[in-house]
Amino acid sequence: MTMAAAPPILVLVSDLFFRAKIEATARAAGRAVRCVADASSLAEADAWSGCLVDLESAGAASLRALPAIAARTTTIAFASHGRADLFAAARAAGCREVVPRSALGEQLPALLARLAGEAAT
């Protein structure tokens, strides 16, 4: 008998640097991620265990998509620490957490674990 693989974590990010960092961290932790570059790709996405959203590189469409994403799954967003407007908009849209981009590298393993449903927030 084989076990079904856990659904991937959906990552909405168009910045290739952060995409590579997220993919490498996920791979090292044994987690599956599916990266998409824009919010329009979300409609095509199958089931996922959680969603990580780059509020800046994904564009304004990511903010419009957040309520629907957050209603479906645990959603965590990140942006530059000076973008209080994006932090507030993401929280208002239902994101569980919004973290500063500068802390993403340090917090990424724990964030991915929370998105995979493996740790309490």
N, C-alpha and C. Protein backbone atom coordinates (compact mmCIF):
# COMPACT_ATOMS: atom_id res chain seq x y z
N MET A 1 0.85 -1.17 0.00
CA MET A 1 0.00 0.00 0.00
C MET A 1 0.90 1.24 0.00
N THR A 2 0.59 2.21 -0.85
CA THR A 2 1.36 3.44 -0.90
C THR A 2 0.53 4.57 -0.31
N MET A 3 1.23 5.51 0.29
CA MET A 3 0.55 6.66 0.86
C MET A 3 0.50 7.77 -0.18
N ALA A 4 -0.59 8.49 -0.18
CA ALA A 4 -0.72 9.61 -1.11
C ALA A 4 0.20 10.73 -0.66
N ALA A 5 0.81 11.39 -1.61
CA ALA A 5 1.69 12.52 -1.29
C ALA A 5 0.85 13.68 -0.79
N ALA A 6 1.42 14.41 0.15
CA ALA A 6 0.73 15.60 0.66
C ALA A 6 0.63 16.63 -0.44
N PRO A 7 -0.45 17.41 -0.44
CA PRO A 7 -0.56 18.45 -1.47
C PRO A 7 0.58 19.45 -1.34
N PRO A 8 1.00 20.03 -2.44
CA PRO A 8 2.10 21.00 -2.37
C PRO A 8 1.65 22.31 -1.73
N ILE A 9 2.63 23.08 -1.35
CA ILE A 9 2.40 24.45 -0.90
C ILE A 9 2.44 25.31 -2.15
N LEU A 10 1.43 26.12 -2.34
CA LEU A 10 1.39 27.02 -3.49
C LEU A 10 2.15 28.29 -3.14
N VAL A 11 3.04 28.71 -4.02
CA VAL A 11 3.85 29.90 -3.80
C VAL A 11 3.60 30.87 -4.95
N LEU A 12 3.06 32.03 -4.61
CA LEU A 12 2.82 33.07 -5.60
C LEU A 12 3.97 34.06 -5.52
N VAL A 13 4.89 33.96 -6.47
CA VAL A 13 6.08 34.82 -6.48
C VAL A 13 6.61 34.91 -7.91
N SER A 14 6.88 36.14 -8.35
CA SER A 14 7.44 36.31 -9.69
C SER A 14 8.94 36.62 -9.65
N ASP A 15 9.46 36.97 -8.49
CA ASP A 15 10.89 37.28 -8.33
C ASP A 15 11.67 35.96 -8.36
N LEU A 16 12.51 35.79 -9.36
CA LEU A 16 13.23 34.53 -9.54
C LEU A 16 14.19 34.23 -8.40
N PHE A 17 14.78 35.27 -7.79
CA PHE A 17 15.69 35.08 -6.66
C PHE A 17 14.94 34.45 -5.49
N PHE A 18 13.80 35.01 -5.13
CA PHE A 18 13.04 34.46 -4.01
C PHE A 18 12.43 33.11 -4.36
N ARG A 19 12.04 32.94 -5.60
CA ARG A 19 11.50 31.65 -6.02
C ARG A 19 12.55 30.56 -5.82
N ALA A 20 13.78 30.81 -6.27
CA ALA A 20 14.85 29.82 -6.12
C ALA A 20 15.14 29.54 -4.64
N LYS A 21 15.13 30.57 -3.82
CA LYS A 21 15.38 30.42 -2.38
C LYS A 21 14.28 29.58 -1.74
N ILE A 22 13.04 29.85 -2.08
CA ILE A 22 11.91 29.10 -1.52
C ILE A 22 11.97 27.65 -1.97
N GLU A 23 12.22 27.42 -3.26
CA GLU A 23 12.28 26.06 -3.78
C GLU A 23 13.42 25.27 -3.13
N ALA A 24 14.58 25.89 -2.95
CA ALA A 24 15.71 25.21 -2.33
C ALA A 24 15.42 24.87 -0.87
N THR A 25 14.82 25.79 -0.15
CA THR A 25 14.49 25.55 1.25
C THR A 25 13.44 24.44 1.36
N ALA A 26 12.45 24.47 0.51
CA ALA A 26 11.42 23.43 0.51
C ALA A 26 12.02 22.07 0.19
N ARG A 27 12.87 22.03 -0.82
CA ARG A 27 13.50 20.77 -1.21
C ARG A 27 14.33 20.20 -0.05
N ALA A 28 15.10 21.06 0.63
CA ALA A 28 15.92 20.62 1.76
C ALA A 28 15.06 20.08 2.91
N ALA A 29 13.85 20.61 3.05
CA ALA A 29 12.95 20.18 4.11
C ALA A 29 12.04 19.02 3.67
N GLY A 30 12.17 18.60 2.42
CA GLY A 30 11.35 17.51 1.92
C GLY A 30 9.91 17.90 1.65
N ARG A 31 9.69 19.17 1.33
CA ARG A 31 8.34 19.68 1.08
C ARG A 31 8.16 19.96 -0.41
N ALA A 32 6.97 19.71 -0.88
CA ALA A 32 6.65 20.01 -2.28
C ALA A 32 6.06 21.41 -2.36
N VAL A 33 6.54 22.19 -3.32
CA VAL A 33 5.97 23.51 -3.59
C VAL A 33 5.63 23.60 -5.06
N ARG A 34 4.65 24.42 -5.35
CA ARG A 34 4.30 24.73 -6.74
C ARG A 34 4.32 26.24 -6.85
N CYS A 35 5.25 26.76 -7.64
CA CYS A 35 5.39 28.19 -7.80
C CYS A 35 4.62 28.68 -9.01
N VAL A 36 3.92 29.78 -8.83
CA VAL A 36 3.23 30.45 -9.92
C VAL A 36 3.66 31.91 -9.89
N ALA A 37 3.68 32.54 -11.05
CA ALA A 37 4.19 33.90 -11.16
C ALA A 37 3.13 34.98 -11.03
N ASP A 38 1.88 34.60 -11.20
CA ASP A 38 0.84 35.62 -11.09
C ASP A 38 -0.45 35.01 -10.58
N ALA A 39 -1.30 35.87 -10.07
CA ALA A 39 -2.54 35.43 -9.43
C ALA A 39 -3.48 34.74 -10.41
N SER A 40 -3.38 35.06 -11.68
CA SER A 40 -4.28 34.42 -12.65
C SER A 40 -4.02 32.91 -12.73
N SER A 41 -2.83 32.47 -12.35
CA SER A 41 -2.51 31.04 -12.36
C SER A 41 -3.19 30.28 -11.23
N LEU A 42 -3.70 30.99 -10.25
CA LEU A 42 -4.32 30.32 -9.10
C LEU A 42 -5.56 29.55 -9.50
N ALA A 43 -6.28 30.03 -10.47
CA ALA A 43 -7.50 29.35 -10.91
C ALA A 43 -7.17 27.98 -11.48
N GLU A 44 -5.96 27.81 -12.01
CA GLU A 44 -5.56 26.55 -12.60
C GLU A 44 -4.96 25.60 -11.58
N ALA A 45 -4.67 26.09 -10.38
CA ALA A 45 -4.00 25.27 -9.37
C ALA A 45 -4.97 24.25 -8.78
N ASP A 46 -4.44 23.07 -8.55
CA ASP A 46 -5.22 22.02 -7.89
C ASP A 46 -5.14 22.24 -6.38
N ALA A 47 -5.43 21.22 -5.64
CA ALA A 47 -5.38 21.31 -4.17
C ALA A 47 -3.96 21.63 -3.70
N TRP A 48 -3.89 22.41 -2.65
CA TRP A 48 -2.60 22.70 -2.03
C TRP A 48 -2.80 22.75 -0.52
N SER A 49 -1.70 22.61 0.21
CA SER A 49 -1.81 22.57 1.68
C SER A 49 -1.77 23.95 2.30
N GLY A 50 -1.25 24.92 1.61
CA GLY A 50 -1.15 26.29 2.10
C GLY A 50 -0.63 27.17 0.99
N CYS A 51 -0.59 28.46 1.23
CA CYS A 51 -0.16 29.39 0.18
C CYS A 51 0.76 30.45 0.78
N LEU A 52 1.88 30.70 0.11
CA LEU A 52 2.83 31.74 0.46
C LEU A 52 2.80 32.77 -0.66
N VAL A 53 2.56 34.04 -0.31
CA VAL A 53 2.35 35.08 -1.32
C VAL A 53 3.35 36.22 -1.14
N ASP A 54 4.09 36.52 -2.21
CA ASP A 54 4.95 37.70 -2.24
C ASP A 54 4.09 38.86 -2.70
N LEU A 55 3.76 39.75 -1.80
CA LEU A 55 2.83 40.84 -2.11
C LEU A 55 3.39 41.84 -3.10
N GLU A 56 4.70 41.97 -3.17
CA GLU A 56 5.29 42.96 -4.06
C GLU A 56 5.58 42.41 -5.45
N SER A 57 6.23 41.29 -5.54
CA SER A 57 6.62 40.82 -6.86
C SER A 57 5.46 40.22 -7.64
N ALA A 58 4.43 39.80 -6.94
CA ALA A 58 3.29 39.19 -7.63
C ALA A 58 2.33 40.23 -8.18
N GLY A 59 2.49 41.49 -7.80
CA GLY A 59 1.67 42.55 -8.36
C GLY A 59 0.35 42.76 -7.63
N ALA A 60 -0.37 43.77 -8.06
CA ALA A 60 -1.63 44.15 -7.43
C ALA A 60 -2.68 43.06 -7.52
N ALA A 61 -2.61 42.23 -8.53
CA ALA A 61 -3.59 41.15 -8.67
C ALA A 61 -3.53 40.19 -7.50
N SER A 62 -2.34 40.05 -6.88
CA SER A 62 -2.25 39.15 -5.73
C SER A 62 -3.10 39.65 -4.58
N LEU A 63 -3.17 40.96 -4.38
CA LEU A 63 -4.02 41.50 -3.31
C LEU A 63 -5.50 41.23 -3.58
N ARG A 64 -5.90 41.36 -4.83
CA ARG A 64 -7.30 41.08 -5.18
C ARG A 64 -7.62 39.60 -5.02
N ALA A 65 -6.64 38.73 -5.21
CA ALA A 65 -6.86 37.29 -5.11
C ALA A 65 -6.81 36.78 -3.68
N LEU A 66 -6.23 37.55 -2.76
CA LEU A 66 -6.02 37.06 -1.40
C LEU A 66 -7.29 36.60 -0.67
N PRO A 67 -8.40 37.32 -0.72
CA PRO A 67 -9.58 36.83 0.01
C PRO A 67 -10.00 35.42 -0.41
N ALA A 68 -9.98 35.15 -1.69
CA ALA A 68 -10.38 33.82 -2.18
C ALA A 68 -9.35 32.76 -1.77
N ILE A 69 -8.07 33.11 -1.81
CA ILE A 69 -7.02 32.17 -1.41
C ILE A 69 -7.13 31.88 0.08
N ALA A 70 -7.22 32.94 0.88
CA ALA A 70 -7.27 32.79 2.34
C ALA A 70 -8.51 32.04 2.79
N ALA A 71 -9.59 32.12 2.02
CA ALA A 71 -10.80 31.39 2.37
C ALA A 71 -10.63 29.89 2.13
N ARG A 72 -9.73 29.53 1.22
CA ARG A 72 -9.52 28.11 0.87
C ARG A 72 -8.47 27.44 1.72
N THR A 73 -7.45 28.18 2.17
CA THR A 73 -6.30 27.54 2.80
C THR A 73 -5.54 28.53 3.68
N THR A 74 -4.68 28.03 4.51
CA THR A 74 -3.80 28.88 5.32
C THR A 74 -2.92 29.69 4.38
N THR A 75 -2.90 30.99 4.57
CA THR A 75 -2.16 31.87 3.68
C THR A 75 -1.24 32.77 4.49
N ILE A 76 0.02 32.82 4.07
CA ILE A 76 1.02 33.68 4.68
C ILE A 76 1.60 34.55 3.57
N ALA A 77 1.72 35.85 3.84
CA ALA A 77 2.25 36.77 2.83
C ALA A 77 3.53 37.42 3.35
N PHE A 78 4.33 37.94 2.41
CA PHE A 78 5.51 38.69 2.81
C PHE A 78 5.69 39.88 1.89
N ALA A 79 6.33 40.92 2.45
CA ALA A 79 6.61 42.17 1.72
C ALA A 79 7.73 42.89 2.45
N SER A 80 8.26 43.91 1.82
CA SER A 80 9.29 44.74 2.46
C SER A 80 8.73 45.35 3.74
N HIS A 81 9.57 45.47 4.76
CA HIS A 81 9.09 45.93 6.06
C HIS A 81 8.50 47.33 6.02
N GLY A 82 8.88 48.15 5.06
CA GLY A 82 8.35 49.51 4.95
C GLY A 82 6.99 49.60 4.28
N ARG A 83 6.44 48.50 3.86
CA ARG A 83 5.16 48.50 3.14
C ARG A 83 4.00 48.18 4.08
N ALA A 84 3.80 49.06 5.04
CA ALA A 84 2.70 48.87 6.00
C ALA A 84 1.36 48.77 5.28
N ASP A 85 1.21 49.44 4.14
CA ASP A 85 -0.02 49.37 3.38
C ASP A 85 -0.31 47.94 2.90
N LEU A 86 0.73 47.25 2.44
CA LEU A 86 0.56 45.86 1.99
C LEU A 86 0.30 44.92 3.17
N PHE A 87 0.99 45.16 4.29
CA PHE A 87 0.76 44.34 5.47
C PHE A 87 -0.71 44.44 5.90
N ALA A 88 -1.21 45.67 5.96
CA ALA A 88 -2.60 45.89 6.38
C ALA A 88 -3.58 45.28 5.39
N ALA A 89 -3.33 45.45 4.10
CA ALA A 89 -4.22 44.90 3.08
C ALA A 89 -4.25 43.37 3.14
N ALA A 90 -3.10 42.76 3.35
CA ALA A 90 -3.04 41.30 3.42
C ALA A 90 -3.78 40.78 4.64
N ARG A 91 -3.61 41.44 5.77
CA ARG A 91 -4.34 41.02 6.98
C ARG A 91 -5.84 41.18 6.78
N ALA A 92 -6.24 42.29 6.18
CA ALA A 92 -7.66 42.53 5.94
C ALA A 92 -8.24 41.49 4.97
N ALA A 93 -7.39 40.96 4.09
CA ALA A 93 -7.85 39.97 3.12
C ALA A 93 -7.90 38.56 3.70
N GLY A 94 -7.41 38.40 4.94
CA GLY A 94 -7.51 37.10 5.58
C GLY A 94 -6.22 36.32 5.73
N CYS A 95 -5.08 36.94 5.43
CA CYS A 95 -3.81 36.23 5.62
C CYS A 95 -3.59 35.96 7.10
N ARG A 96 -3.16 34.78 7.41
CA ARG A 96 -2.90 34.40 8.80
C ARG A 96 -1.71 35.18 9.34
N GLU A 97 -0.68 35.34 8.53
CA GLU A 97 0.53 36.06 8.94
C GLU A 97 1.03 36.89 7.77
N VAL A 98 1.70 37.99 8.10
CA VAL A 98 2.44 38.77 7.10
C VAL A 98 3.80 39.01 7.72
N VAL A 99 4.84 38.61 7.00
CA VAL A 99 6.19 38.75 7.53
C VAL A 99 7.02 39.66 6.64
N PRO A 100 8.00 40.34 7.23
CA PRO A 100 8.87 41.18 6.41
C PRO A 100 9.78 40.33 5.53
N ARG A 101 10.03 40.80 4.34
CA ARG A 101 10.90 40.11 3.39
C ARG A 101 12.28 39.84 4.00
N SER A 102 12.77 40.79 4.80
CA SER A 102 14.10 40.66 5.40
C SER A 102 14.18 39.47 6.36
N ALA A 103 13.08 39.02 6.90
CA ALA A 103 13.06 37.89 7.83
C ALA A 103 12.71 36.59 7.13
N LEU A 104 12.40 36.64 5.86
CA LEU A 104 11.92 35.46 5.16
C LEU A 104 12.93 34.31 5.21
N GLY A 105 14.20 34.59 4.94
CA GLY A 105 15.20 33.52 4.93
C GLY A 105 15.28 32.78 6.24
N GLU A 106 15.30 33.52 7.33
CA GLU A 106 15.39 32.92 8.66
C GLU A 106 14.13 32.17 9.03
N GLN A 107 12.98 32.70 8.67
CA GLN A 107 11.70 32.11 9.07
C GLN A 107 11.12 31.10 8.08
N LEU A 108 11.71 31.00 6.90
CA LEU A 108 11.11 30.19 5.83
C LEU A 108 10.87 28.73 6.22
N PRO A 109 11.81 28.03 6.85
CA PRO A 109 11.50 26.63 7.21
C PRO A 109 10.28 26.51 8.12
N ALA A 110 10.16 27.40 9.10
CA ALA A 110 9.00 27.36 10.01
C ALA A 110 7.72 27.75 9.28
N LEU A 111 7.80 28.73 8.38
CA LEU A 111 6.62 29.13 7.61
C LEU A 111 6.13 27.98 6.74
N LEU A 112 7.06 27.30 6.08
CA LEU A 112 6.68 26.17 5.23
C LEU A 112 6.06 25.05 6.07
N ALA A 113 6.58 24.83 7.27
CA ALA A 113 5.99 23.81 8.15
C ALA A 113 4.56 24.19 8.52
N ARG A 114 4.34 25.46 8.84
CA ARG A 114 2.97 25.90 9.19
C ARG A 114 2.04 25.74 7.99
N LEU A 115 2.52 26.09 6.80
CA LEU A 115 1.69 25.97 5.60
C LEU A 115 1.39 24.52 5.25
N ALA A 116 2.27 23.63 5.65
CA ALA A 116 2.05 22.20 5.41
C ALA A 116 1.17 21.60 6.50
N GLY A 117 0.79 22.43 7.48
CA GLY A 117 -0.07 21.96 8.56
C GLY A 117 0.65 21.14 9.61
N GLU A 118 1.96 21.36 9.75
CA GLU A 118 2.75 20.54 10.66
C GLU A 118 3.06 21.19 12.00
N ALA A 119 2.71 22.46 12.15
CA ALA A 119 3.00 23.12 13.41
C ALA A 119 1.92 24.15 13.70
N ALA A 120 1.63 24.35 14.94
CA ALA A 120 0.66 25.38 15.33
C ALA A 120 1.29 26.74 15.23
N THR A 121 0.49 27.74 14.91
CA THR A 121 0.99 29.10 14.85
C THR A 121 0.80 29.78 16.17
